[in-house]
C-alpha atoms as a PDB file:
ATOM      1  CA  MET A   1     -73.377-103.943 127.142  1.00  0.00           C
ATOM      2  CA  VAL A   2     -74.116-106.754 124.707  1.00  0.00           C
ATOM      3  CA  ASP A   3     -77.869-106.429 125.297  1.00  0.00           C
ATOM      4  CA  GLN A   4     -77.726-102.658 124.729  1.00  0.00           C
ATOM      5  CA  MET A   5     -75.731-103.041 121.502  1.00  0.00           C
ATOM      6  CA  ARG A   6     -78.066-105.739 120.190  1.00  0.00           C
ATOM      7  CA  ALA A   7     -81.124-103.632 120.972  1.00  0.00           C
ATOM      8  CA  SER A   8     -79.682-100.617 119.123  1.00  0.00           C
ATOM      9  CA  ALA A   9     -78.737-102.796 116.130  1.00  0.00           C
ATOM     10  CA  ALA A  10     -82.197-104.388 116.048  1.00  0.00           C
ATOM     11  CA  ALA A  11     -83.794-100.930 115.862  1.00  0.00           C
ATOM     12  CA  ALA A  12     -81.712 -99.983 112.799  1.00  0.00           C
ATOM     13  CA  PRO A  13     -80.277-103.174 111.238  1.00  0.00           C
ATOM     14  CA  THR A  14     -79.082-101.515 108.025  1.00  0.00           C
ATOM     15  CA  LYS A  15     -76.690 -99.420 110.136  1.00  0.00           C
ATOM     16  CA  ALA A  16     -75.446-102.408 112.157  1.00  0.00           C
ATOM     17  CA  ILE A  17     -71.998-103.909 111.661  1.00  0.00           C
ATOM     18  CA  ALA A  18     -71.524-107.422 113.026  1.00  0.00           C
ATOM     19  CA  PHE A  19     -68.235-108.526 114.574  1.00  0.00           C
ATOM     20  CA  GLN A  20     -66.943-111.555 116.471  1.00  0.00           C
ATOM     21  CA  GLY A  21     -66.155-111.023 120.125  1.00  0.00           C
ATOM     22  CA  ALA A  22     -67.193-109.163 123.247  1.00  0.00           C
ATOM     23  CA  PRO A  23     -67.396-105.362 123.516  1.00  0.00           C
ATOM     24  CA  GLY A  24     -63.859-103.995 123.569  1.00  0.00           C
ATOM     25  CA  ALA A  25     -62.421-106.685 121.267  1.00  0.00           C
ATOM     26  CA  ASN A  26     -60.090-105.687 118.445  1.00  0.00           C
ATOM     27  CA  SER A  27     -62.866-106.419 115.940  1.00  0.00           C
ATOM     28  CA  HIS A  28     -65.124-103.974 117.824  1.00  0.00           C
ATOM     29  CA  ARG A  29     -62.441-101.294 117.548  1.00  0.00           C
ATOM     30  CA  ALA A  30     -61.912-102.099 113.854  1.00  0.00           C
ATOM     31  CA  ALA A  31     -65.654-101.811 113.197  1.00  0.00           C
ATOM     32  CA  MET A  32     -65.740 -98.332 114.736  1.00  0.00           C
ATOM     33  CA  GLU A  33     -62.651 -97.246 112.809  1.00  0.00           C
ATOM     34  CA  ALA A  34     -63.905 -98.581 109.470  1.00  0.00           C
ATOM     35  CA  LEU A  35     -67.501 -97.321 109.830  1.00  0.00           C
ATOM     36  CA  PRO A  36     -67.641 -94.754 112.666  1.00  0.00           C
ATOM     37  CA  GLN A  37     -71.386 -94.056 112.237  1.00  0.00           C
ATOM     38  CA  SER A  38     -72.401 -97.721 112.365  1.00  0.00           C
ATOM     39  CA  LEU A  39     -73.991 -99.640 115.242  1.00  0.00           C
ATOM     40  CA  PRO A  40     -71.736-102.446 116.573  1.00  0.00           C
ATOM     41  CA  LEU A  41     -73.349-105.878 116.867  1.00  0.00           C
ATOM     42  CA  PRO A  42     -71.267-108.400 118.892  1.00  0.00           C
ATOM     43  CA  CYS A  43     -71.477-112.062 117.819  1.00  0.00           C
ATOM     44  CA  SER A  44     -70.056-115.232 119.328  1.00  0.00           C
ATOM     45  CA  SER A  45     -68.277-116.488 116.179  1.00  0.00           C
ATOM     46  CA  PHE A  46     -67.212-115.415 112.698  1.00  0.00           C
ATOM     47  CA  ALA A  47     -69.960-117.599 111.229  1.00  0.00           C
ATOM     48  CA  ASP A  48     -72.540-115.886 113.451  1.00  0.00           C
ATOM     49  CA  ALA A  49     -71.328-112.459 112.327  1.00  0.00           C
ATOM     50  CA  LEU A  50     -71.777-113.421 108.671  1.00  0.00           C
ATOM     51  CA  GLU A  51     -75.142-115.015 109.407  1.00  0.00           C
ATOM     52  CA  ALA A  52     -76.308-111.718 110.918  1.00  0.00           C
ATOM     53  CA  VAL A  53     -75.784-110.146 107.494  1.00  0.00           C
ATOM     54  CA  GLU A  54     -77.460-113.060 105.699  1.00  0.00           C
ATOM     55  CA  THR A  55     -80.582-112.755 107.852  1.00  0.00           C
ATOM     56  CA  GLY A  56     -80.726-108.947 107.655  1.00  0.00           C
ATOM     57  CA  ALA A  57     -79.846-108.389 111.326  1.00  0.00           C
ATOM     58  CA  ALA A  58     -76.830-106.348 110.165  1.00  0.00           C
ATOM     59  CA  GLY A  59     -75.951-104.430 107.042  1.00  0.00           C
ATOM     60  CA  CYS A  60     -72.377-105.762 106.967  1.00  0.00           C
ATOM     61  CA  ALA A  61     -69.821-107.710 108.977  1.00  0.00           C
ATOM     62  CA  ILE A  62     -66.151-107.056 109.656  1.00  0.00           C
ATOM     63  CA  ILE A  63     -63.896-110.130 109.812  1.00  0.00           C
ATOM     64  CA  PRO A  64     -60.128-110.307 110.553  1.00  0.00           C
ATOM     65  CA  ILE A  65     -58.476-112.529 107.974  1.00  0.00           C
ATOM     66  CA  GLU A  66     -54.714-112.203 108.468  1.00  0.00           C
ATOM     67  CA  ASN A  67     -52.141-110.836 110.884  1.00  0.00           C
ATOM     68  CA  SER A  68     -48.662-109.670 109.924  1.00  0.00           C
ATOM     69  CA  GLN A  69     -47.118-111.555 112.838  1.00  0.00           C
ATOM     70  CA  ASN A  70     -49.237-114.662 113.299  1.00  0.00           C
ATOM     71  CA  GLY A  71     -50.726-115.398 109.870  1.00  0.00           C
ATOM     72  CA  ARG A  72     -54.286-116.449 109.037  1.00  0.00           C
ATOM     73  CA  VAL A  73     -57.071-115.483 111.442  1.00  0.00           C
ATOM     74  CA  ALA A  74     -60.489-116.371 110.020  1.00  0.00           C
ATOM     75  CA  ASP A  75     -60.889-119.003 107.306  1.00  0.00           C
ATOM     76  CA  ILE A  76     -62.604-116.527 104.998  1.00  0.00           C
ATOM     77  CA  HIS A  77     -62.123-118.839 102.005  1.00  0.00           C
ATOM     78  CA  PHE A  78     -64.385-121.375 103.752  1.00  0.00           C
ATOM     79  CA  LEU A  79     -66.788-118.951 105.434  1.00  0.00           C
ATOM     80  CA  LEU A  80     -67.526-116.560 102.604  1.00  0.00           C
ATOM     81  CA  PRO A  81     -68.449-118.980  99.778  1.00  0.00           C
ATOM     82  CA  GLU A  82     -70.799-120.806 102.147  1.00  0.00           C
ATOM     83  CA  SER A  83     -72.470-117.562 103.237  1.00  0.00           C
ATOM     84  CA  GLY A  84     -73.053-116.165  99.753  1.00  0.00           C
ATOM     85  CA  LEU A  85     -71.784-112.748 100.909  1.00  0.00           C
ATOM     86  CA  HIS A  86     -69.225-110.564  99.151  1.00  0.00           C
ATOM     87  CA  ILE A  87     -66.122-108.681 100.250  1.00  0.00           C
ATOM     88  CA  VAL A  88     -66.913-104.980  99.812  1.00  0.00           C
ATOM     89  CA  GLY A  89     -63.974-103.349 101.603  1.00  0.00           C
ATOM     90  CA  GLU A  90     -60.861-103.830 103.687  1.00  0.00           C
ATOM     91  CA  HIS A  91     -59.422-102.186 106.778  1.00  0.00           C
ATOM     92  CA  PHE A  92     -55.922-102.399 108.272  1.00  0.00           C
ATOM     93  CA  MET A  93     -55.450-101.837 111.995  1.00  0.00           C
ATOM     94  CA  ALA A  94     -52.357-101.772 114.191  1.00  0.00           C
ATOM     95  CA  ILE A  95     -52.798-104.204 117.076  1.00  0.00           C
ATOM     96  CA  ASN A  96     -51.652-103.295 120.590  1.00  0.00           C
ATOM     97  CA  HIS A  97     -52.195-105.684 123.477  1.00  0.00           C
ATOM     98  CA  ALA A  98     -51.980-105.088 127.227  1.00  0.00           C
ATOM     99  CA  LEU A  99     -51.516-107.521 130.099  1.00  0.00           C
ATOM    100  CA  MET A 100     -54.260-106.891 132.672  1.00  0.00           C
ATOM    101  CA  GLY A 101     -55.738-108.424 135.799  1.00  0.00           C
ATOM    102  CA  VAL A 102     -57.594-107.631 139.006  1.00  0.00           C
ATOM    103  CA  GLY A 103     -54.219-106.685 140.506  1.00  0.00           C
ATOM    104  CA  PRO A 104     -50.715-105.751 139.294  1.00  0.00           C
ATOM    105  CA  GLY A 105     -49.359-109.326 139.182  1.00  0.00           C
ATOM    106  CA  PRO A 106     -47.116-111.260 138.938  1.00  0.00           C
ATOM    107  CA  PHE A 107     -49.339-113.666 137.021  1.00  0.00           C
ATOM    108  CA  LYS A 108     -49.162-117.418 136.514  1.00  0.00           C
ATOM    109  CA  GLU A 109     -51.605-117.667 133.581  1.00  0.00           C
ATOM    110  CA  ALA A 110     -52.861-115.386 130.819  1.00  0.00           C
ATOM    111  CA  TYR A 111     -56.064-115.898 128.847  1.00  0.00           C
ATOM    112  CA  SER A 112     -56.697-114.543 125.356  1.00  0.00           C
ATOM    113  CA  HIS A 113     -57.653-115.428 121.801  1.00  0.00           C
ATOM    114  CA  PRO A 114     -55.068-117.804 120.224  1.00  0.00           C
ATOM    115  CA  GLN A 115     -54.048-115.053 117.797  1.00  0.00           C
ATOM    116  CA  ALA A 116     -53.185-112.627 120.626  1.00  0.00           C
ATOM    117  CA  LEU A 117     -51.340-115.377 122.495  1.00  0.00           C
ATOM    118  CA  GLY A 118     -49.353-116.156 119.357  1.00  0.00           C
ATOM    119  CA  GLN A 119     -48.527-112.489 118.866  1.00  0.00           C
ATOM    120  CA  SER A 120     -47.234-112.293 122.475  1.00  0.00           C
ATOM    121  CA  ARG A 121     -45.590-115.698 122.852  1.00  0.00           C
ATOM    122  CA  ILE A 122     -42.044-114.372 123.516  1.00  0.00           C
ATOM    123  CA  PHE A 123     -43.344-111.901 126.109  1.00  0.00           C
ATOM    124  CA  LEU A 124     -45.200-114.681 127.928  1.00  0.00           C
ATOM    125  CA  ARG A 125     -42.344-117.176 127.750  1.00  0.00           C
ATOM    126  CA  GLU A 126     -39.826-114.698 129.182  1.00  0.00           C
ATOM    127  CA  ARG A 127     -42.097-114.089 132.192  1.00  0.00           C
ATOM    128  CA  GLY A 128     -43.017-117.704 132.759  1.00  0.00           C
ATOM    129  CA  ILE A 129     -46.720-117.037 132.168  1.00  0.00           C
ATOM    130  CA  MET A 130     -48.738-119.948 130.814  1.00  0.00           C
ATOM    131  CA  PRO A 131     -50.902-119.001 127.772  1.00  0.00           C
ATOM    132  CA  LEU A 132     -54.505-120.262 127.919  1.00  0.00           C
ATOM    133  CA  SER A 133     -56.957-119.972 125.025  1.00  0.00           C
ATOM    134  CA  HIS A 134     -60.211-118.018 125.187  1.00  0.00           C
ATOM    135  CA  ALA A 135     -62.872-117.228 122.591  1.00  0.00           C
ATOM    136  CA  ASP A 136     -61.762-113.595 122.153  1.00  0.00           C
ATOM    137  CA  THR A 137     -59.521-110.942 123.669  1.00  0.00           C
ATOM    138  CA  ALA A 138     -62.188-108.817 125.353  1.00  0.00           C
ATOM    139  CA  GLY A 139     -64.087-111.890 126.525  1.00  0.00           C
ATOM    140  CA  ALA A 140     -60.883-113.021 128.236  1.00  0.00           C
ATOM    141  CA  ALA A 141     -60.787-109.730 130.152  1.00  0.00           C
ATOM    142  CA  ALA A 142     -64.413-110.206 131.233  1.00  0.00           C
ATOM    143  CA  PHE A 143     -63.568-113.757 132.349  1.00  0.00           C
ATOM    144  CA  VAL A 144     -60.601-112.584 134.444  1.00  0.00           C
ATOM    145  CA  ALA A 145     -62.724-109.855 136.043  1.00  0.00           C
ATOM    146  CA  GLU A 146     -65.442-112.383 136.859  1.00  0.00           C
ATOM    147  CA  ARG A 147     -62.988-114.869 138.379  1.00  0.00           C
ATOM    148  CA  GLY A 148     -61.320-112.239 140.573  1.00  0.00           C
ATOM    149  CA  ASP A 149     -58.163-114.364 140.884  1.00  0.00           C
ATOM    150  CA  PRO A 150     -55.002-112.205 141.278  1.00  0.00           C
ATOM    151  CA  ASP A 151     -52.852-114.959 139.733  1.00  0.00           C
ATOM    152  CA  ILE A 152     -54.537-114.854 136.313  1.00  0.00           C
ATOM    153  CA  ALA A 153     -54.495-112.159 133.654  1.00  0.00           C
ATOM    154  CA  SER A 154     -55.732-111.516 130.134  1.00  0.00           C
ATOM    155  CA  ILE A 155     -54.015-110.169 127.046  1.00  0.00           C
ATOM    156  CA  SER A 156     -56.565-107.742 125.692  1.00  0.00           C
ATOM    157  CA  PRO A 157     -56.983-104.327 124.040  1.00  0.00           C
ATOM    158  CA  PRO A 158     -56.336-101.545 126.600  1.00  0.00           C
ATOM    159  CA  ILE A 159     -59.978-100.387 126.390  1.00  0.00           C
ATOM    160  CA  ALA A 160     -61.040-103.742 127.871  1.00  0.00           C
ATOM    161  CA  ALA A 161     -59.404-102.807 131.209  1.00  0.00           C
ATOM    162  CA  GLU A 162     -61.672 -99.770 131.432  1.00  0.00           C
ATOM    163  CA  LEU A 163     -64.771-101.685 130.349  1.00  0.00           C
ATOM    164  CA  TYR A 164     -64.280-104.573 132.781  1.00  0.00           C
ATOM    165  CA  GLY A 165     -62.585-102.818 135.712  1.00  0.00           C
ATOM    166  CA  LEU A 166     -59.132-104.386 135.390  1.00  0.00           C
ATOM    167  CA  GLN A 167     -55.675-103.006 136.108  1.00  0.00           C
ATOM    168  CA  ILE A 168     -53.117-102.864 133.284  1.00  0.00           C
ATOM    169  CA  ALA A 169     -49.825-104.398 134.388  1.00  0.00           C
ATOM    170  CA  GLU A 170     -47.950-103.845 131.095  1.00  0.00           C
ATOM    171  CA  HIS A 171     -48.731-102.099 127.806  1.00  0.00           C
ATOM    172  CA  ASN A 172     -47.646-103.160 124.289  1.00  0.00           C
ATOM    173  CA  VAL A 173     -46.962-106.815 125.097  1.00  0.00           C
ATOM    174  CA  GLU A 174     -47.043-107.866 121.434  1.00  0.00           C
ATOM    175  CA  ASP A 175     -43.682-109.191 120.250  1.00  0.00           C
ATOM    176  CA  ALA A 176     -43.477-106.978 117.144  1.00  0.00           C
ATOM    177  CA  ALA A 177     -43.925-103.203 117.064  1.00  0.00           C
ATOM    178  CA  ASP A 178     -45.456-103.369 113.557  1.00  0.00           C
ATOM    179  CA  ASN A 179     -48.186-105.854 114.504  1.00  0.00           C
ATOM    180  CA  MET A 180     -50.982-105.324 111.936  1.00  0.00           C
ATOM    181  CA  THR A 181     -54.242-107.117 111.176  1.00  0.00           C
ATOM    182  CA  ARG A 182     -56.180-106.955 107.935  1.00  0.00           C
ATOM    183  CA  PHE A 183     -59.976-107.007 108.175  1.00  0.00           C
ATOM    184  CA  VAL A 184     -62.507-107.376 105.365  1.00  0.00           C
ATOM    185  CA  LEU A 185     -66.018-105.946 105.232  1.00  0.00           C
ATOM    186  CA  CYS A 186     -68.666-108.371 103.968  1.00  0.00           C
ATOM    187  CA  ALA A 187     -72.169-107.567 102.669  1.00  0.00           C
ATOM    188  CA  LYS A 188     -74.988-109.116 100.652  1.00  0.00           C
ATOM    189  CA  ASP A 189     -74.521-106.988  97.554  1.00  0.00           C
ATOM    190  CA  PRO A 190     -71.154-106.817  95.773  1.00  0.00           C
ATOM    191  CA  VAL A 191     -69.420-103.613  94.772  1.00  0.00           C
ATOM    192  CA  ASP A 192     -69.856-102.860  91.063  1.00  0.00           C
ATOM    193  CA  PRO A 193     -66.291-102.897  89.662  1.00  0.00           C
ATOM    194  CA  ALA A 194     -67.259-100.039  87.318  1.00  0.00           C
ATOM    195  CA  SER A 195     -67.862 -97.811  90.362  1.00  0.00           C
ATOM    196  CA  LEU A 196     -64.190 -98.179  91.313  1.00  0.00           C
ATOM    197  CA  LYS A 197     -62.899 -96.578  88.126  1.00  0.00           C
ATOM    198  CA  GLY A 198     -60.085 -94.176  88.980  1.00  0.00           C
ATOM    199  CA  THR A 199     -59.216 -95.942  92.237  1.00  0.00           C
ATOM    200  CA  VAL A 200     -56.860 -98.840  92.943  1.00  0.00           C
ATOM    201  CA  ALA A 201     -58.982-101.958  93.414  1.00  0.00           C
ATOM    202  CA  ILE A 202     -58.364-105.379  94.928  1.00  0.00           C
ATOM    203  CA  THR A 203     -60.150-108.477  93.640  1.00  0.00           C
ATOM    204  CA  SER A 204     -60.315-111.580  95.865  1.00  0.00           C
ATOM    205  CA  PHE A 205     -61.232-115.023  94.574  1.00  0.00           C
ATOM    206  CA  VAL A 206     -60.925-118.752  95.244  1.00  0.00           C
ATOM    207  CA  PHE A 207     -60.195-121.402  92.630  1.00  0.00           C
ATOM    208  CA  GLU A 208     -59.408-125.081  92.176  1.00  0.00           C
ATOM    209  CA  VAL A 209     -57.039-126.053  89.378  1.00  0.00           C
ATOM    210  CA  LYS A 210     -57.530-129.117  87.228  1.00  0.00           C
ATOM    211  CA  ASN A 211     -55.739-132.249  88.414  1.00  0.00           C
ATOM    212  CA  ILE A 212     -53.086-132.291  85.678  1.00  0.00           C
ATOM    213  CA  PRO A 213     -49.309-131.695  85.748  1.00  0.00           C
ATOM    214  CA  ALA A 214     -48.240-128.030  86.019  1.00  0.00           C
ATOM    215  CA  ALA A 215     -51.864-126.887  86.303  1.00  0.00           C
ATOM    216  CA  LEU A 216     -51.070-124.156  88.850  1.00  0.00           C
ATOM    217  CA  TYR A 217     -48.109-122.937  86.817  1.00  0.00           C
ATOM    218  CA  LYS A 218     -50.297-122.639  83.719  1.00  0.00           C
ATOM    219  CA  ALA A 219     -53.137-121.011  85.677  1.00  0.00           C
ATOM    220  CA  MET A 220     -50.795-118.345  87.062  1.00  0.00           C
ATOM    221  CA  GLY A 221     -49.219-117.631  83.700  1.00  0.00           C
ATOM    222  CA  GLY A 222     -52.031-115.338  82.594  1.00  0.00           C
ATOM    223  CA  PHE A 223     -51.364-112.917  85.442  1.00  0.00           C
ATOM    224  CA  ALA A 224     -47.686-112.652  84.531  1.00  0.00           C
ATOM    225  CA  THR A 225     -48.231-112.219  80.798  1.00  0.00           C
ATOM    226  CA  ASN A 226     -50.942-109.601  81.358  1.00  0.00           C
ATOM    227  CA  GLY A 227     -49.016-107.654  83.987  1.00  0.00           C
ATOM    228  CA  VAL A 228     -51.533-108.228  86.795  1.00  0.00           C
ATOM    229  CA  ASN A 229     -50.001-108.100  90.263  1.00  0.00           C
ATOM    230  CA  MET A 230     -50.996-110.982  92.540  1.00  0.00           C
ATOM    231  CA  THR A 231     -50.468-109.878  96.153  1.00  0.00           C
ATOM    232  CA  LYS A 232     -51.636-113.037  97.919  1.00  0.00           C
ATOM    233  CA  LEU A 233     -51.843-116.738  97.060  1.00  0.00           C
ATOM    234  CA  GLU A 234     -52.698-119.280  99.730  1.00  0.00           C
ATOM    235  CA  SER A 235     -53.537-122.972  99.370  1.00  0.00           C
ATOM    236  CA  TYR A 236     -55.940-125.003 101.478  1.00  0.00           C
ATOM    237  CA  GLN A 237     -57.531-128.440 101.309  1.00  0.00           C
ATOM    238  CA  LYS A 238     -61.092-128.973 100.143  1.00  0.00           C
ATOM    239  CA  GLY A 239     -62.833-131.777 102.010  1.00  0.00           C
ATOM    240  CA  THR A 240     -61.127-134.646 103.817  1.00  0.00           C
ATOM    241  CA  SER A 241     -59.735-136.609 100.887  1.00  0.00           C
ATOM    242  CA  PHE A 242     -56.673-134.332 100.445  1.00  0.00           C
ATOM    243  CA  SER A 243     -57.034-134.919  96.711  1.00  0.00           C
ATOM    244  CA  ALA A 244     -58.062-131.379  95.749  1.00  0.00           C
ATOM    245  CA  SER A 245     -56.182-128.199  96.576  1.00  0.00           C
ATOM    246  CA  MET A 246     -58.073-124.918  96.578  1.00  0.00           C
ATOM    247  CA  PHE A 247     -56.401-121.516  96.437  1.00  0.00           C
ATOM    248  CA  TYR A 248     -57.329-118.091  97.784  1.00  0.00           C
ATOM    249  CA  ALA A 249     -55.845-115.119  95.918  1.00  0.00           C
ATOM    250  CA  ASP A 250     -55.842-111.316  95.866  1.00  0.00           C
ATOM    251  CA  ILE A 251     -54.888-109.319  92.777  1.00  0.00           C
ATOM    252  CA  VAL A 252     -54.566-105.603  92.142  1.00  0.00           C
ATOM    253  CA  GLY A 253     -57.213-104.648  89.598  1.00  0.00           C
ATOM    254  CA  ALA A 254     -60.880-105.160  88.824  1.00  0.00           C
ATOM    255  CA  PRO A 255     -62.956-107.100  86.292  1.00  0.00           C
ATOM    256  CA  GLY A 256     -63.658-104.835  83.356  1.00  0.00           C
ATOM    257  CA  ASN A 257     -59.984-104.021  83.010  1.00  0.00           C
ATOM    258  CA  PRO A 258     -58.862-105.843  79.840  1.00  0.00           C
ATOM    259  CA  ALA A 259     -55.683-107.204  81.441  1.00  0.00           C
ATOM    260  CA  VAL A 260     -57.584-108.521  84.475  1.00  0.00           C
ATOM    261  CA  ASP A 261     -60.293-110.026  82.277  1.00  0.00           C
ATOM    262  CA  ARG A 262     -57.721-111.852  80.151  1.00  0.00           C
ATOM    263  CA  ALA A 263     -55.887-113.166  83.229  1.00  0.00           C
ATOM    264  CA  LEU A 264     -59.106-114.401  84.853  1.00  0.00           C
ATOM    265  CA  GLU A 265     -60.230-115.986  81.583  1.00  0.00           C
ATOM    266  CA  GLU A 266     -56.970-117.943  81.380  1.00  0.00           C
ATOM    267  CA  LEU A 267     -57.279-118.922  85.046  1.00  0.00           C
ATOM    268  CA  ALA A 268     -60.820-120.181  84.449  1.00  0.00           C
ATOM    269  CA  PHE A 269     -59.635-122.287  81.487  1.00  0.00           C
ATOM    270  CA  HIS A 270     -57.128-124.136  83.713  1.00  0.00           C
ATOM    271  CA  SER A 271     -59.472-124.400  86.716  1.00  0.00           C
ATOM    272  CA  LYS A 272     -62.308-126.706  87.721  1.00  0.00           C
ATOM    273  CA  GLU A 273     -63.852-123.919  89.802  1.00  0.00           C
ATOM    274  CA  LEU A 274     -63.407-120.145  90.058  1.00  0.00           C
ATOM    275  CA  ARG A 275     -65.406-117.929  92.409  1.00  0.00           C
ATOM    276  CA  ILE A 276     -64.967-114.164  92.768  1.00  0.00           C
ATOM    277  CA  LEU A 277     -65.394-113.185  96.431  1.00  0.00           C
ATOM    278  CA  GLY A 278     -65.426-109.455  95.792  1.00  0.00           C
ATOM    279  CA  THR A 279     -63.837-106.399  94.223  1.00  0.00           C
ATOM    280  CA  TYR A 280     -63.268-103.391  96.458  1.00  0.00           C
ATOM    281  CA  ALA A 281     -61.122-100.287  96.959  1.00  0.00           C
ATOM    282  CA  GLN A 282     -57.581-100.899  98.163  1.00  0.00           C
ATOM    283  CA  ALA A 283     -57.127 -99.530 101.697  1.00  0.00           C
ATOM    284  CA  ARG A 284     -53.346 -99.918 101.886  1.00  0.00           C
ATOM    285  CA  PRO A 285     -50.785-100.001  99.050  1.00  0.00           C
ATOM    286  CA  ARG A 286     -49.153-103.372  98.402  1.00  0.00           C
ATOM    287  CA  GLY A 287     -45.431-103.742  97.976  1.00  0.00           C
END
């Protein structure tokens, strides 16, 4: 399947959408939902998916960045600045996992991506099943099929059972019924903010505040005074010295809007570094 998908993508790279994981992974499903006419290109890692776009092997990549139940997925604030790509869209997808194996169980161990294991930790604990990490959800299903051991299972999208010849023991094993993952679409060329006029836009950026007292408070003040809604603010460490905190943020609005421009100008004044990752149409209302 991987060879067939890669061959199709190689024949028409501008139509290809790169994703991390094996065929049948949640990112594969998200790619087909977000861009139904595209050609899926499976990659072994998030970095490889972005590199496929950098090298021209794919027109865009789809990367999961956060889950409503288990938090951050991909470190997009590290990956994207290094790649030089831009966020050009977002896609929200409800996540449903199934427990599957070569037989009906009971199972002693379950393999899956750490995110899926985290989203199903109560389910696994109640059944005494040991969670074991795998590179991705669909790859875990392929691994279980290859092993042929009736004592092991995978937590994978239901389509993986059909693709890899497994039997679903239980559906909807995620601990929360409203389990949702947000994906971003990344491409070489950014969306022109002017083209989003008349639509609700999201702007994503990373920044590092100056190392002075109340720097973050002052940097955020411009968004409050200009009425710009910040829907996400997340800190992370830059380098190994732990002396510089970077921040990833999403706001509602686009450069070119006077209020957004004023807020970003004030942020830049109080920051050592500010990098816009992309402006794109909002796929799901915030708040």
